[in-house]
N, C-alpha and C. Protein backbone atom coordinates (compact mmCIF):
# COMPACT_ATOMS: atom_id res chain seq x y z
N UNK A 1 33.96 -63.91 89.02
CA UNK A 1 32.57 -62.99 88.63
C UNK A 1 32.71 -62.01 90.05
N UNK A 2 32.83 -60.71 89.94
CA UNK A 2 33.66 -59.58 90.84
C UNK A 2 32.35 -59.71 92.12
N UNK A 3 32.84 -60.04 93.20
CA UNK A 3 31.63 -59.71 94.34
C UNK A 3 31.13 -58.09 94.56
N UNK A 4 30.31 -58.81 95.09
CA UNK A 4 29.73 -57.61 95.29
C UNK A 4 30.28 -55.93 96.07
N UNK A 5 31.65 -56.59 96.88
CA UNK A 5 32.30 -54.91 96.90
C UNK A 5 33.13 -54.72 95.79
N UNK A 6 33.41 -55.08 95.58
CA UNK A 6 34.20 -54.68 94.16
C UNK A 6 33.18 -54.36 93.26
N UNK A 7 32.17 -54.68 93.34
CA UNK A 7 31.28 -53.93 91.73
C UNK A 7 30.45 -52.19 92.84
N UNK A 8 30.45 -52.17 93.95
CA UNK A 8 30.39 -51.18 94.55
C UNK A 8 31.70 -50.20 94.49
N UNK A 9 32.85 -50.61 95.02
CA UNK A 9 34.04 -49.59 94.35
C UNK A 9 34.16 -49.44 92.85
N UNK A 10 34.25 -49.94 91.70
CA UNK A 10 33.89 -49.76 90.90
C UNK A 10 33.09 -48.39 90.51
N UNK A 11 31.61 -48.74 91.06
CA UNK A 11 30.47 -47.93 90.84
C UNK A 11 30.99 -46.19 92.10
N UNK A 12 31.16 -46.45 92.60
CA UNK A 12 32.08 -45.34 93.93
C UNK A 12 32.73 -44.59 92.47
N UNK A 13 34.42 -45.84 92.36
CA UNK A 13 35.20 -44.99 91.46
C UNK A 13 34.79 -43.99 90.24
N UNK A 14 33.98 -44.54 89.39
CA UNK A 14 32.95 -44.23 88.73
C UNK A 14 31.99 -42.47 88.78
N UNK A 15 31.43 -43.04 89.91
CA UNK A 15 30.64 -41.56 90.21
C UNK A 15 31.88 -40.69 90.69
N UNK A 16 32.93 -40.62 91.22
CA UNK A 16 33.46 -39.55 91.40
C UNK A 16 34.67 -39.03 90.30
N UNK A 17 34.57 -39.66 89.37
CA UNK A 17 35.01 -39.70 87.68
C UNK A 17 34.16 -38.37 87.68
N UNK A 18 32.92 -38.84 87.77
CA UNK A 18 31.81 -37.65 87.19
C UNK A 18 31.97 -36.89 87.49
N UNK A 19 31.88 -36.91 89.34
CA UNK A 19 31.41 -35.42 89.54
C UNK A 19 33.25 -34.77 89.68
N UNK A 20 34.55 -35.12 89.30
CA UNK A 20 35.95 -34.56 88.86
C UNK A 20 35.11 -33.73 87.70
N UNK A 21 34.77 -34.67 87.00
CA UNK A 21 34.65 -33.57 85.14
C UNK A 21 33.15 -32.60 85.37
N UNK A 22 32.56 -33.02 86.06
CA UNK A 22 31.56 -32.43 86.38
C UNK A 22 31.81 -31.06 86.91
N UNK A 23 32.47 -30.95 87.81
CA UNK A 23 33.72 -29.92 88.90
C UNK A 23 34.24 -29.04 88.06
N UNK A 24 35.26 -29.66 86.83
CA UNK A 24 35.95 -29.09 85.87
C UNK A 24 35.50 -28.44 85.11
N UNK A 25 33.89 -29.21 84.47
CA UNK A 25 33.56 -28.12 83.67
C UNK A 25 32.54 -26.69 84.19
N UNK A 26 32.08 -27.20 85.57
CA UNK A 26 31.65 -26.13 86.07
C UNK A 26 32.61 -24.92 85.93
N UNK A 27 33.94 -25.54 86.70
CA UNK A 27 35.51 -24.13 86.47
C UNK A 27 35.51 -23.63 85.68
N UNK A 28 35.66 -24.25 84.58
CA UNK A 28 35.91 -24.17 83.22
C UNK A 28 34.80 -22.56 82.83
N UNK A 29 33.13 -23.38 83.00
CA UNK A 29 32.20 -21.98 82.91
C UNK A 29 32.40 -20.46 84.18
N UNK A 30 32.76 -21.08 85.39
CA UNK A 30 33.36 -19.55 85.60
C UNK A 30 34.14 -19.23 85.40
N UNK A 31 35.17 -19.72 84.93
CA UNK A 31 36.78 -19.12 84.81
C UNK A 31 36.22 -18.08 83.16
N UNK A 32 35.15 -18.44 82.08
CA UNK A 32 34.64 -17.80 80.90
C UNK A 32 34.21 -16.60 81.70
N UNK A 33 32.92 -17.01 82.95
CA UNK A 33 32.12 -15.71 82.81
C UNK A 33 33.32 -14.89 83.32
N UNK A 34 34.32 -14.89 83.95
CA UNK A 34 34.89 -13.86 84.71
C UNK A 34 35.79 -13.07 83.98
N UNK A 35 36.17 -14.22 82.65
CA UNK A 35 36.86 -13.35 81.87
C UNK A 35 36.31 -12.70 80.84
N UNK A 36 34.87 -12.95 80.92
CA UNK A 36 34.43 -12.33 80.19
C UNK A 36 33.75 -10.84 80.89
N UNK A 37 33.22 -10.93 81.87
CA UNK A 37 33.23 -10.19 82.87
C UNK A 37 34.40 -8.81 83.08
N UNK A 38 35.27 -9.23 82.76
CA UNK A 38 36.21 -8.78 83.09
C UNK A 38 36.65 -8.38 81.33
N UNK A 39 36.22 -8.51 80.02
CA UNK A 39 36.54 -7.47 79.01
C UNK A 39 35.39 -6.37 78.76
N UNK A 40 34.06 -6.80 79.97
CA UNK A 40 33.20 -5.95 79.46
C UNK A 40 33.27 -4.84 80.80
N UNK A 41 33.92 -5.20 81.63
CA UNK A 41 34.51 -4.01 82.38
C UNK A 41 35.63 -2.93 81.77
N UNK A 42 36.72 -3.70 81.06
CA UNK A 42 37.51 -2.59 80.45
C UNK A 42 37.19 -2.44 79.40
N UNK A 43 36.06 -2.83 78.80
CA UNK A 43 35.32 -2.00 77.36
C UNK A 43 34.52 -0.87 77.75
N UNK A 44 33.96 -1.60 78.97
CA UNK A 44 32.81 0.32 79.61
C UNK A 44 34.23 1.20 80.01
N UNK A 45 34.95 0.64 80.96
CA UNK A 45 36.09 1.91 81.50
C UNK A 45 37.12 2.90 80.43
N UNK A 46 36.77 2.32 78.65
CA UNK A 46 37.91 2.76 78.20
C UNK A 46 36.24 3.86 77.67
N UNK A 47 35.34 3.33 77.75
CA UNK A 47 34.27 3.60 76.94
C UNK A 47 33.89 5.32 77.71
N UNK A 48 34.16 5.27 79.08
CA UNK A 48 34.14 5.87 79.72
C UNK A 48 34.94 7.07 80.05
N UNK A 49 36.47 6.71 79.23
CA UNK A 49 37.25 7.46 79.69
C UNK A 49 37.47 8.71 78.23
N UNK A 50 37.00 7.80 76.90
CA UNK A 50 36.92 8.61 76.18
C UNK A 50 35.82 9.63 76.12
N UNK A 51 34.65 9.28 76.79
CA UNK A 51 33.95 10.19 77.16
C UNK A 51 34.24 11.43 77.13
N UNK A 52 35.18 11.00 78.57
CA UNK A 52 35.67 11.67 79.84
C UNK A 52 36.58 13.24 78.69
N UNK A 53 37.37 12.75 78.02
CA UNK A 53 38.08 13.08 77.20
C UNK A 53 37.31 14.16 76.31
N UNK A 54 36.35 13.81 75.48
CA UNK A 54 35.80 14.11 75.02
C UNK A 54 35.37 15.99 75.43
N UNK A 55 34.68 15.47 76.75
CA UNK A 55 33.99 16.36 77.19
C UNK A 55 35.13 17.10 78.02
N UNK A 56 36.12 16.88 77.92
CA UNK A 56 37.04 17.79 78.77
C UNK A 56 37.79 18.60 77.36
N UNK A 57 37.78 18.46 75.99
CA UNK A 57 38.16 19.14 74.64
C UNK A 57 37.08 19.91 74.67
N UNK A 58 35.56 19.46 74.43
CA UNK A 58 34.52 20.44 74.56
C UNK A 58 34.59 21.87 75.62
N UNK A 59 35.29 21.68 76.71
CA UNK A 59 35.23 22.35 77.48
C UNK A 59 35.65 23.57 77.35
N UNK A 60 37.34 22.81 76.89
CA UNK A 60 38.39 23.66 75.95
C UNK A 60 38.06 24.75 75.13
N UNK A 61 37.29 23.72 73.96
CA UNK A 61 37.08 24.60 73.03
C UNK A 61 36.13 26.07 73.10
N UNK A 62 35.23 25.26 73.90
CA UNK A 62 33.94 26.18 74.69
C UNK A 62 34.41 27.75 75.63
N UNK A 63 35.96 27.70 75.72
CA UNK A 63 36.42 28.63 76.60
C UNK A 63 37.50 28.85 75.78
N UNK A 64 38.33 28.56 74.44
CA UNK A 64 39.13 28.99 73.79
C UNK A 64 40.43 28.27 74.02
N UNK A 65 40.39 27.49 75.26
CA UNK A 65 41.92 27.08 75.92
C UNK A 65 42.69 25.41 75.33
N UNK A 66 41.69 25.70 73.43
CA UNK A 66 42.06 25.01 73.02
C UNK A 66 42.90 25.21 71.53
N UNK A 67 44.00 26.59 71.34
CA UNK A 67 44.19 27.10 70.54
C UNK A 67 45.66 27.08 70.82
């Protein structure tokens, strides 16, 4: 039969493993959030770039520089 210190050691090891698993899950969630933010910002940047190019083309058309 395990004595009290062995039981405490076992439970401490269990708690450590659970804490490590939880931390790993939190890191995964943070990485996923960062990746999602990166993709959103890239999409936004491409959208702004396309709108700016459209504005340039509109000015060129309006001033006759696009001919």
